[in-house]
Amino acid sequence: MSARQPVEEIEAHYSVADPWNYEGNVDDDRRKSELLSVLPNKPFQRVLDIGCGDGFITFALPGEQILGVDISARAIEFARLRNASQPDPSRIAFECLSLFDLSAKKLGQFDLIIITGVLYSQYIAKGAANVRLIIDDLLEPGGILASCHIAAWQPVRFAYDPLDEIHYPYRDFTHVLEVLKKCS
């Protein structure tokens, strides 16, 4: 696929809450659990969740300040509604932004970046090289990147130091979860 999926199609998908059926799904509960279990046990200051959707993963992330971004304004609306009922809603913010509009100049750098279910051709088209540059700009030296995607569909790999890699069944596929550290 050479073109990105139109935002209008993504918005239409979010006409209902939880369009991916993550909540209560055994595979997605495992995806969240695996992700959280492999993150380094350290205090994170600034966390970025790229492709946060309605916040399914975002709300479980460690960190003093968490920013969830998604290209879908409807997904962000759902995430903000859910955030209002969180124990500390000021800890998490949500913004409607495309991955390709992110920069350290706008947002600052992060010591933890999570990117799940985004690095597929329908979302990034042939922009893998740009994705690498964007992530490198956003991730502070010594920062951690956790990337979780369907193994057969992921066109982007990152040249950071590997800390952990797990493969596990996910729905009808195999997920690869990589935890990487950017050199200081």
N, C-alpha and C. Protein backbone atom coordinates (compact mmCIF):
# COMPACT_ATOMS: atom_id res chain seq x y z
N MET A 1 0.85 -1.17 0.00
CA MET A 1 0.00 0.00 0.00
C MET A 1 0.89 1.23 0.00
N SER A 2 0.65 2.14 -0.92
CA SER A 2 1.52 3.30 -1.04
C SER A 2 0.93 4.57 -0.43
N ALA A 3 -0.36 4.61 -0.19
CA ALA A 3 -1.00 5.80 0.38
C ALA A 3 -1.50 5.50 1.79
N ARG A 4 -1.48 6.53 2.60
CA ARG A 4 -2.00 6.38 3.96
C ARG A 4 -3.52 6.32 3.94
N GLN A 5 -4.07 5.60 4.89
CA GLN A 5 -5.52 5.52 5.04
C GLN A 5 -6.06 6.92 5.35
N PRO A 6 -7.10 7.35 4.66
CA PRO A 6 -7.65 8.68 4.93
C PRO A 6 -8.14 8.82 6.37
N VAL A 7 -7.91 9.97 6.95
CA VAL A 7 -8.33 10.24 8.33
C VAL A 7 -9.83 10.03 8.47
N GLU A 8 -10.59 10.36 7.43
CA GLU A 8 -12.04 10.20 7.49
C GLU A 8 -12.44 8.75 7.75
N GLU A 9 -11.71 7.80 7.18
CA GLU A 9 -11.99 6.38 7.42
C GLU A 9 -11.69 6.01 8.87
N ILE A 10 -10.61 6.54 9.40
CA ILE A 10 -10.27 6.27 10.79
C ILE A 10 -11.32 6.88 11.71
N GLU A 11 -11.74 8.10 11.41
CA GLU A 11 -12.79 8.76 12.20
C GLU A 11 -14.08 7.95 12.17
N ALA A 12 -14.46 7.44 11.00
CA ALA A 12 -15.69 6.65 10.89
C ALA A 12 -15.60 5.41 11.77
N HIS A 13 -14.41 4.84 11.85
CA HIS A 13 -14.22 3.66 12.69
C HIS A 13 -14.50 3.98 14.16
N TYR A 14 -14.16 5.19 14.57
CA TYR A 14 -14.36 5.60 15.96
C TYR A 14 -15.73 6.22 16.19
N SER A 15 -16.73 5.81 15.41
CA SER A 15 -18.09 6.30 15.65
C SER A 15 -18.69 5.66 16.90
N VAL A 16 -18.04 4.61 17.40
CA VAL A 16 -18.46 3.95 18.64
C VAL A 16 -17.26 3.87 19.58
N ALA A 17 -17.54 3.78 20.86
CA ALA A 17 -16.47 3.59 21.84
C ALA A 17 -15.86 2.20 21.65
N ASP A 18 -14.56 2.09 21.85
CA ASP A 18 -13.83 0.82 21.77
C ASP A 18 -14.09 0.06 20.46
N PRO A 19 -13.86 0.69 19.32
CA PRO A 19 -14.15 0.03 18.04
C PRO A 19 -13.28 -1.19 17.76
N TRP A 20 -12.15 -1.31 18.42
CA TRP A 20 -11.26 -2.45 18.21
C TRP A 20 -11.59 -3.59 19.18
N ASN A 21 -12.56 -3.37 20.06
CA ASN A 21 -12.95 -4.37 21.07
C ASN A 21 -11.79 -4.78 21.96
N TYR A 22 -11.05 -3.80 22.45
CA TYR A 22 -9.93 -4.06 23.35
C TYR A 22 -10.40 -4.42 24.75
N GLU A 23 -11.38 -3.68 25.26
CA GLU A 23 -11.81 -3.86 26.65
C GLU A 23 -12.36 -5.27 26.86
N GLY A 24 -11.78 -5.97 27.80
CA GLY A 24 -12.24 -7.31 28.14
C GLY A 24 -11.81 -8.39 27.16
N ASN A 25 -11.03 -8.04 26.15
CA ASN A 25 -10.54 -9.02 25.19
C ASN A 25 -9.27 -9.64 25.76
N VAL A 26 -9.26 -10.95 25.85
CA VAL A 26 -8.13 -11.67 26.45
C VAL A 26 -6.81 -11.35 25.74
N ASP A 27 -6.83 -11.27 24.42
CA ASP A 27 -5.60 -10.97 23.67
C ASP A 27 -5.09 -9.57 23.97
N ASP A 28 -6.00 -8.62 24.08
CA ASP A 28 -5.58 -7.25 24.35
C ASP A 28 -5.20 -7.04 25.81
N ASP A 29 -5.84 -7.77 26.70
CA ASP A 29 -5.40 -7.73 28.10
C ASP A 29 -3.98 -8.27 28.20
N ARG A 30 -3.68 -9.33 27.44
CA ARG A 30 -2.32 -9.88 27.45
C ARG A 30 -1.34 -8.88 26.84
N ARG A 31 -1.75 -8.23 25.74
CA ARG A 31 -0.89 -7.24 25.09
C ARG A 31 -0.50 -6.15 26.08
N LYS A 32 -1.48 -5.66 26.82
CA LYS A 32 -1.20 -4.61 27.81
C LYS A 32 -0.30 -5.15 28.91
N SER A 33 -0.60 -6.34 29.40
CA SER A 33 0.18 -6.95 30.48
C SER A 33 1.63 -7.20 30.05
N GLU A 34 1.82 -7.74 28.85
CA GLU A 34 3.18 -7.99 28.35
C GLU A 34 3.96 -6.68 28.25
N LEU A 35 3.32 -5.66 27.70
CA LEU A 35 3.97 -4.36 27.55
C LEU A 35 4.41 -3.81 28.89
N LEU A 36 3.51 -3.80 29.84
CA LEU A 36 3.83 -3.23 31.15
C LEU A 36 4.90 -4.05 31.87
N SER A 37 4.91 -5.36 31.65
CA SER A 37 5.86 -6.22 32.37
C SER A 37 7.29 -6.08 31.88
N VAL A 38 7.49 -5.64 30.64
CA VAL A 38 8.86 -5.55 30.12
C VAL A 38 9.45 -4.14 30.20
N LEU A 39 8.66 -3.17 30.61
CA LEU A 39 9.22 -1.83 30.76
C LEU A 39 10.21 -1.81 31.93
N PRO A 40 11.32 -1.11 31.78
CA PRO A 40 12.27 -1.02 32.90
C PRO A 40 11.58 -0.48 34.15
N ASN A 41 11.96 -1.04 35.29
CA ASN A 41 11.38 -0.63 36.57
C ASN A 41 12.13 0.61 37.05
N LYS A 42 11.68 1.76 36.57
CA LYS A 42 12.31 3.02 36.93
C LYS A 42 11.26 4.11 36.82
N PRO A 43 11.48 5.22 37.48
CA PRO A 43 10.50 6.31 37.36
C PRO A 43 10.66 7.04 36.02
N PHE A 44 9.59 7.13 35.28
CA PHE A 44 9.60 7.88 34.03
C PHE A 44 8.97 9.24 34.29
N GLN A 45 9.57 10.26 33.71
CA GLN A 45 9.06 11.62 33.89
C GLN A 45 8.03 11.97 32.83
N ARG A 46 8.45 11.88 31.57
CA ARG A 46 7.57 12.27 30.45
C ARG A 46 7.39 11.07 29.53
N VAL A 47 6.13 10.69 29.34
CA VAL A 47 5.78 9.51 28.56
C VAL A 47 4.90 9.94 27.38
N LEU A 48 5.18 9.38 26.21
CA LEU A 48 4.38 9.64 25.02
C LEU A 48 3.82 8.33 24.50
N ASP A 49 2.50 8.28 24.33
CA ASP A 49 1.82 7.11 23.76
C ASP A 49 1.32 7.51 22.38
N ILE A 50 2.00 7.04 21.34
CA ILE A 50 1.66 7.38 19.96
C ILE A 50 0.63 6.38 19.43
N GLY A 51 -0.48 6.91 18.92
CA GLY A 51 -1.57 6.05 18.46
C GLY A 51 -2.36 5.53 19.64
N CYS A 52 -2.62 6.41 20.60
CA CYS A 52 -3.23 6.01 21.87
C CYS A 52 -4.68 5.57 21.76
N GLY A 53 -5.35 5.90 20.65
CA GLY A 53 -6.76 5.55 20.54
C GLY A 53 -7.54 6.14 21.69
N ASP A 54 -8.36 5.31 22.32
CA ASP A 54 -9.19 5.80 23.43
C ASP A 54 -8.50 5.69 24.79
N GLY A 55 -7.21 5.37 24.79
CA GLY A 55 -6.44 5.33 26.03
C GLY A 55 -6.31 3.97 26.67
N PHE A 56 -6.66 2.91 25.95
CA PHE A 56 -6.63 1.55 26.51
C PHE A 56 -5.29 1.24 27.19
N ILE A 57 -4.19 1.56 26.55
CA ILE A 57 -2.86 1.35 27.13
C ILE A 57 -2.45 2.55 27.98
N THR A 58 -2.78 3.73 27.52
CA THR A 58 -2.32 4.98 28.14
C THR A 58 -2.58 5.04 29.63
N PHE A 59 -3.78 4.68 30.05
CA PHE A 59 -4.16 4.81 31.46
C PHE A 59 -3.34 3.90 32.37
N ALA A 60 -2.75 2.84 31.83
CA ALA A 60 -1.97 1.91 32.64
C ALA A 60 -0.48 2.25 32.69
N LEU A 61 -0.06 3.24 31.90
CA LEU A 61 1.37 3.54 31.80
C LEU A 61 1.92 4.22 33.05
N PRO A 62 3.19 3.92 33.37
CA PRO A 62 3.85 4.63 34.46
C PRO A 62 4.32 5.99 33.95
N GLY A 63 4.48 6.93 34.84
CA GLY A 63 5.03 8.22 34.44
C GLY A 63 4.40 9.38 35.16
N GLU A 64 5.20 10.41 35.36
CA GLU A 64 4.72 11.63 36.02
C GLU A 64 3.76 12.39 35.12
N GLN A 65 4.15 12.55 33.85
CA GLN A 65 3.33 13.24 32.86
C GLN A 65 3.21 12.33 31.64
N ILE A 66 1.98 12.09 31.20
CA ILE A 66 1.75 11.22 30.06
C ILE A 66 0.95 11.98 29.02
N LEU A 67 1.40 11.89 27.77
CA LEU A 67 0.69 12.48 26.65
C LEU A 67 0.31 11.37 25.68
N GLY A 68 -0.98 11.24 25.43
CA GLY A 68 -1.47 10.31 24.42
C GLY A 68 -1.85 11.09 23.18
N VAL A 69 -1.37 10.64 22.02
CA VAL A 69 -1.71 11.31 20.76
C VAL A 69 -2.30 10.29 19.79
N ASP A 70 -3.26 10.76 19.01
CA ASP A 70 -3.88 9.93 17.99
C ASP A 70 -4.36 10.83 16.87
N ILE A 71 -4.39 10.30 15.66
CA ILE A 71 -4.85 11.08 14.51
C ILE A 71 -6.36 11.25 14.52
N SER A 72 -7.06 10.42 15.28
CA SER A 72 -8.53 10.47 15.32
C SER A 72 -9.03 11.40 16.42
N ALA A 73 -9.72 12.46 16.01
CA ALA A 73 -10.32 13.38 16.99
C ALA A 73 -11.37 12.67 17.84
N ARG A 74 -12.11 11.74 17.24
CA ARG A 74 -13.12 10.99 18.01
C ARG A 74 -12.47 10.10 19.06
N ALA A 75 -11.37 9.45 18.70
CA ALA A 75 -10.66 8.62 19.67
C ALA A 75 -10.20 9.47 20.84
N ILE A 76 -9.69 10.65 20.54
CA ILE A 76 -9.22 11.56 21.59
C ILE A 76 -10.38 12.02 22.46
N GLU A 77 -11.55 12.26 21.87
CA GLU A 77 -12.74 12.61 22.67
C GLU A 77 -13.06 11.50 23.66
N PHE A 78 -13.07 10.25 23.18
CA PHE A 78 -13.33 9.11 24.07
C PHE A 78 -12.28 9.03 25.18
N ALA A 79 -11.02 9.23 24.82
CA ALA A 79 -9.93 9.16 25.81
C ALA A 79 -10.09 10.24 26.87
N ARG A 80 -10.43 11.44 26.45
CA ARG A 80 -10.62 12.54 27.41
C ARG A 80 -11.79 12.28 28.34
N LEU A 81 -12.86 11.72 27.81
CA LEU A 81 -14.01 11.37 28.66
C LEU A 81 -13.61 10.33 29.70
N ARG A 82 -12.87 9.32 29.27
CA ARG A 82 -12.40 8.28 30.19
C ARG A 82 -11.44 8.86 31.23
N ASN A 83 -10.61 9.81 30.80
CA ASN A 83 -9.61 10.39 31.69
C ASN A 83 -10.26 11.15 32.84
N ALA A 84 -11.41 11.74 32.59
CA ALA A 84 -12.10 12.52 33.63
C ALA A 84 -12.42 11.68 34.86
N SER A 85 -12.56 10.36 34.69
CA SER A 85 -12.88 9.50 35.83
C SER A 85 -11.65 8.81 36.42
N GLN A 86 -10.46 9.17 35.96
CA GLN A 86 -9.23 8.58 36.49
C GLN A 86 -8.90 9.19 37.85
N PRO A 87 -8.16 8.45 38.70
CA PRO A 87 -7.81 8.97 40.03
C PRO A 87 -7.05 10.30 39.98
N ASP A 88 -6.16 10.47 38.99
CA ASP A 88 -5.40 11.71 38.85
C ASP A 88 -5.43 12.15 37.38
N PRO A 89 -6.54 12.75 36.95
CA PRO A 89 -6.66 13.11 35.53
C PRO A 89 -5.65 14.15 35.06
N SER A 90 -5.05 14.89 35.96
CA SER A 90 -4.07 15.91 35.54
C SER A 90 -2.75 15.28 35.08
N ARG A 91 -2.54 14.01 35.40
CA ARG A 91 -1.31 13.31 35.03
C ARG A 91 -1.28 12.97 33.53
N ILE A 92 -2.46 12.87 32.91
CA ILE A 92 -2.56 12.43 31.52
C ILE A 92 -3.26 13.49 30.68
N ALA A 93 -2.70 13.76 29.50
CA ALA A 93 -3.33 14.67 28.54
C ALA A 93 -3.44 13.93 27.21
N PHE A 94 -4.41 14.33 26.42
CA PHE A 94 -4.62 13.73 25.10
C PHE A 94 -4.71 14.83 24.06
N GLU A 95 -4.05 14.61 22.92
CA GLU A 95 -4.05 15.57 21.83
C GLU A 95 -4.29 14.85 20.50
N CYS A 96 -5.05 15.49 19.64
CA CYS A 96 -5.29 14.96 18.30
C CYS A 96 -4.15 15.43 17.40
N LEU A 97 -3.21 14.53 17.15
CA LEU A 97 -2.03 14.83 16.33
C LEU A 97 -1.66 13.61 15.51
N SER A 98 -1.22 13.85 14.30
CA SER A 98 -0.67 12.79 13.47
C SER A 98 0.76 12.50 13.91
N LEU A 99 1.16 11.27 13.79
CA LEU A 99 2.55 10.90 14.04
C LEU A 99 3.49 11.80 13.25
N PHE A 100 3.10 12.15 12.04
CA PHE A 100 3.97 12.94 11.16
C PHE A 100 4.01 14.42 11.52
N ASP A 101 3.19 14.83 12.48
CA ASP A 101 3.21 16.22 12.95
C ASP A 101 3.93 16.38 14.29
N LEU A 102 4.44 15.28 14.83
CA LEU A 102 5.10 15.32 16.13
C LEU A 102 6.54 15.81 15.98
N SER A 103 6.98 16.61 16.96
CA SER A 103 8.38 17.04 16.98
C SER A 103 8.75 17.44 18.41
N ALA A 104 10.02 17.34 18.71
CA ALA A 104 10.51 17.77 20.02
C ALA A 104 10.37 19.28 20.17
N LYS A 105 10.44 20.00 19.07
CA LYS A 105 10.28 21.45 19.13
C LYS A 105 8.89 21.81 19.67
N LYS A 106 7.86 21.07 19.25
CA LYS A 106 6.49 21.32 19.70
C LYS A 106 6.20 20.72 21.08
N LEU A 107 6.70 19.51 21.31
CA LEU A 107 6.29 18.74 22.48
C LEU A 107 7.37 18.54 23.53
N GLY A 108 8.63 18.80 23.19
CA GLY A 108 9.73 18.45 24.07
C GLY A 108 10.11 17.00 23.84
N GLN A 109 11.06 16.52 24.65
CA GLN A 109 11.49 15.13 24.52
C GLN A 109 10.88 14.30 25.64
N PHE A 110 10.90 12.98 25.44
CA PHE A 110 10.28 12.04 26.36
C PHE A 110 11.29 10.97 26.76
N ASP A 111 11.18 10.49 28.00
CA ASP A 111 12.08 9.41 28.42
C ASP A 111 11.46 8.03 28.18
N LEU A 112 10.17 7.99 27.81
CA LEU A 112 9.52 6.74 27.42
C LEU A 112 8.53 7.04 26.31
N ILE A 113 8.67 6.30 25.21
CA ILE A 113 7.71 6.39 24.11
C ILE A 113 7.14 5.01 23.87
N ILE A 114 5.82 4.95 23.79
CA ILE A 114 5.09 3.72 23.49
C ILE A 114 4.45 3.91 22.13
N ILE A 115 4.61 2.92 21.27
CA ILE A 115 3.93 2.96 19.97
C ILE A 115 3.41 1.56 19.67
N THR A 116 2.09 1.44 19.67
CA THR A 116 1.46 0.13 19.46
C THR A 116 0.43 0.23 18.33
N GLY A 117 0.48 -0.72 17.42
CA GLY A 117 -0.52 -0.81 16.37
C GLY A 117 -0.54 0.35 15.40
N VAL A 118 0.57 1.04 15.22
CA VAL A 118 0.62 2.22 14.36
C VAL A 118 1.54 2.02 13.16
N LEU A 119 2.57 1.24 13.31
CA LEU A 119 3.61 1.14 12.28
C LEU A 119 3.23 0.16 11.17
N TYR A 120 2.05 0.37 10.61
CA TYR A 120 1.55 -0.45 9.52
C TYR A 120 1.41 0.42 8.28
N SER A 121 1.53 -0.20 7.11
CA SER A 121 1.54 0.58 5.87
C SER A 121 0.29 1.42 5.67
N GLN A 122 -0.87 0.97 6.13
CA GLN A 122 -2.07 1.79 5.93
C GLN A 122 -2.02 3.09 6.73
N TYR A 123 -1.18 3.14 7.76
CA TYR A 123 -1.07 4.36 8.57
C TYR A 123 0.16 5.20 8.22
N ILE A 124 1.25 4.54 7.84
CA ILE A 124 2.47 5.32 7.57
C ILE A 124 2.90 5.28 6.11
N ALA A 125 2.22 4.47 5.28
CA ALA A 125 2.54 4.33 3.86
C ALA A 125 4.03 4.03 3.71
N LYS A 126 4.73 4.85 2.96
CA LYS A 126 6.17 4.63 2.75
C LYS A 126 7.00 5.56 3.62
N GLY A 127 6.46 5.92 4.77
CA GLY A 127 7.11 6.90 5.63
C GLY A 127 7.99 6.33 6.72
N ALA A 128 8.47 5.08 6.57
CA ALA A 128 9.26 4.45 7.63
C ALA A 128 10.49 5.27 8.00
N ALA A 129 11.19 5.81 7.01
CA ALA A 129 12.39 6.61 7.31
C ALA A 129 12.02 7.85 8.11
N ASN A 130 10.91 8.48 7.75
CA ASN A 130 10.45 9.65 8.50
C ASN A 130 10.07 9.28 9.93
N VAL A 131 9.43 8.13 10.09
CA VAL A 131 9.04 7.68 11.43
C VAL A 131 10.28 7.54 12.31
N ARG A 132 11.33 6.95 11.78
CA ARG A 132 12.58 6.80 12.55
C ARG A 132 13.13 8.15 12.98
N LEU A 133 13.12 9.12 12.08
CA LEU A 133 13.62 10.46 12.40
C LEU A 133 12.75 11.14 13.45
N ILE A 134 11.45 10.99 13.34
CA ILE A 134 10.52 11.61 14.29
C ILE A 134 10.73 11.03 15.69
N ILE A 135 10.80 9.70 15.77
CA ILE A 135 11.00 9.05 17.08
C ILE A 135 12.35 9.46 17.66
N ASP A 136 13.37 9.49 16.83
CA ASP A 136 14.70 9.86 17.31
C ASP A 136 14.71 11.29 17.85
N ASP A 137 13.97 12.17 17.23
CA ASP A 137 13.85 13.56 17.68
C ASP A 137 13.13 13.64 19.03
N LEU A 138 12.10 12.83 19.20
CA LEU A 138 11.26 12.88 20.41
C LEU A 138 11.85 12.15 21.61
N LEU A 139 12.64 11.11 21.36
CA LEU A 139 13.17 10.28 22.45
C LEU A 139 14.47 10.88 22.97
N GLU A 140 14.50 11.18 24.25
CA GLU A 140 15.71 11.78 24.82
C GLU A 140 16.83 10.74 24.89
N PRO A 141 18.09 11.19 24.92
CA PRO A 141 19.20 10.25 25.08
C PRO A 141 19.01 9.41 26.34
N GLY A 142 19.20 8.10 26.21
CA GLY A 142 18.97 7.19 27.32
C GLY A 142 17.52 6.80 27.48
N GLY A 143 16.64 7.34 26.63
CA GLY A 143 15.21 7.06 26.72
C GLY A 143 14.85 5.67 26.21
N ILE A 144 13.66 5.23 26.57
CA ILE A 144 13.16 3.89 26.24
C ILE A 144 12.06 3.99 25.20
N LEU A 145 12.12 3.12 24.19
CA LEU A 145 11.07 2.99 23.19
C LEU A 145 10.49 1.59 23.29
N ALA A 146 9.18 1.49 23.44
CA ALA A 146 8.49 0.20 23.41
C ALA A 146 7.59 0.19 22.18
N SER A 147 7.83 -0.76 21.30
CA SER A 147 7.10 -0.88 20.04
C SER A 147 6.43 -2.25 20.01
N CYS A 148 5.11 -2.25 19.81
CA CYS A 148 4.35 -3.50 19.85
C CYS A 148 3.45 -3.56 18.61
N HIS A 149 3.69 -4.56 17.75
CA HIS A 149 2.98 -4.64 16.48
C HIS A 149 2.85 -6.09 16.01
N ILE A 150 1.94 -6.31 15.08
CA ILE A 150 1.84 -7.61 14.43
C ILE A 150 3.13 -7.81 13.63
N ALA A 151 3.83 -8.89 13.94
CA ALA A 151 5.18 -9.11 13.41
C ALA A 151 5.23 -9.05 11.89
N ALA A 152 4.30 -9.68 11.22
CA ALA A 152 4.34 -9.76 9.75
C ALA A 152 4.03 -8.43 9.07
N TRP A 153 3.46 -7.49 9.79
CA TRP A 153 3.03 -6.23 9.18
C TRP A 153 3.94 -5.06 9.50
N GLN A 154 4.90 -5.20 10.37
CA GLN A 154 5.68 -4.06 10.86
C GLN A 154 6.83 -3.72 9.92
N PRO A 155 6.74 -2.56 9.24
CA PRO A 155 7.81 -2.19 8.31
C PRO A 155 8.94 -1.38 8.94
N VAL A 156 8.83 -1.05 10.21
CA VAL A 156 9.80 -0.14 10.83
C VAL A 156 10.53 -0.85 11.97
N ARG A 157 11.84 -0.78 11.92
CA ARG A 157 12.68 -1.23 13.02
C ARG A 157 13.54 -0.03 13.42
N PHE A 158 13.95 -0.01 14.68
CA PHE A 158 14.71 1.13 15.21
C PHE A 158 16.11 0.68 15.59
N ALA A 159 17.09 1.53 15.34
CA ALA A 159 18.50 1.21 15.58
C ALA A 159 18.93 1.65 16.98
N TYR A 160 18.21 1.17 17.97
CA TYR A 160 18.56 1.45 19.36
C TYR A 160 19.01 0.15 20.01
N ASP A 161 19.58 0.25 21.20
CA ASP A 161 20.04 -0.94 21.91
C ASP A 161 18.84 -1.77 22.38
N PRO A 162 18.78 -3.05 22.01
CA PRO A 162 17.66 -3.89 22.45
C PRO A 162 17.77 -4.23 23.94
N LEU A 163 16.68 -4.07 24.65
CA LEU A 163 16.61 -4.47 26.06
C LEU A 163 15.80 -5.75 26.21
N ASP A 164 14.78 -5.89 25.38
CA ASP A 164 13.91 -7.06 25.46
C ASP A 164 13.14 -7.20 24.16
N GLU A 165 12.82 -8.43 23.81
CA GLU A 165 11.96 -8.70 22.66
C GLU A 165 11.15 -9.95 22.97
N ILE A 166 9.86 -9.82 22.80
CA ILE A 166 8.94 -10.92 23.09
C ILE A 166 8.04 -11.13 21.88
N HIS A 167 7.82 -12.39 21.54
CA HIS A 167 6.85 -12.75 20.50
C HIS A 167 5.76 -13.56 21.20
N TYR A 168 4.51 -13.24 20.92
CA TYR A 168 3.41 -13.97 21.55
C TYR A 168 2.19 -13.94 20.63
N PRO A 169 1.29 -14.92 20.79
CA PRO A 169 0.10 -14.94 19.94
C PRO A 169 -0.82 -13.77 20.26
N TYR A 170 -1.37 -13.17 19.21
CA TYR A 170 -2.30 -12.06 19.35
C TYR A 170 -3.39 -12.23 18.30
N ARG A 171 -4.60 -12.48 18.77
CA ARG A 171 -5.73 -12.76 17.87
C ARG A 171 -5.28 -13.84 16.89
N ASP A 172 -5.31 -13.58 15.59
CA ASP A 172 -4.90 -14.59 14.61
C ASP A 172 -3.46 -14.39 14.13
N PHE A 173 -2.68 -13.63 14.86
CA PHE A 173 -1.35 -13.23 14.42
C PHE A 173 -0.31 -13.50 15.52
N THR A 174 0.91 -13.07 15.25
CA THR A 174 1.97 -13.06 16.25
C THR A 174 2.38 -11.61 16.46
N HIS A 175 2.40 -11.20 17.71
CA HIS A 175 2.86 -9.86 18.05
C HIS A 175 4.34 -9.90 18.37
N VAL A 176 5.04 -8.84 18.01
CA VAL A 176 6.41 -8.65 18.47
C VAL A 176 6.42 -7.38 19.32
N LEU A 177 6.96 -7.52 20.51
CA LEU A 177 7.09 -6.41 21.44
C LEU A 177 8.58 -6.18 21.65
N GLU A 178 9.05 -5.01 21.22
CA GLU A 178 10.46 -4.67 21.36
C GLU A 178 10.59 -3.53 22.36
N VAL A 179 11.54 -3.67 23.27
CA VAL A 179 11.88 -2.59 24.19
C VAL A 179 13.33 -2.23 23.89
N LEU A 180 13.53 -0.96 23.54
CA LEU A 180 14.82 -0.49 23.07
C LEU A 180 15.26 0.74 23.86
N LYS A 181 16.56 0.93 23.94
CA LYS A 181 17.10 2.09 24.64
C LYS A 181 17.96 2.91 23.68
N LYS A 182 17.67 4.20 23.65
CA LYS A 182 18.47 5.11 22.83
C LYS A 182 19.78 5.39 23.56
N CYS A 183 20.89 5.33 22.85
CA CYS A 183 22.19 5.59 23.46
C CYS A 183 22.23 6.99 24.07
N SER A 184 22.93 7.10 25.18
CA SER A 184 23.05 8.40 25.87
C SER A 184 23.98 9.32 25.12
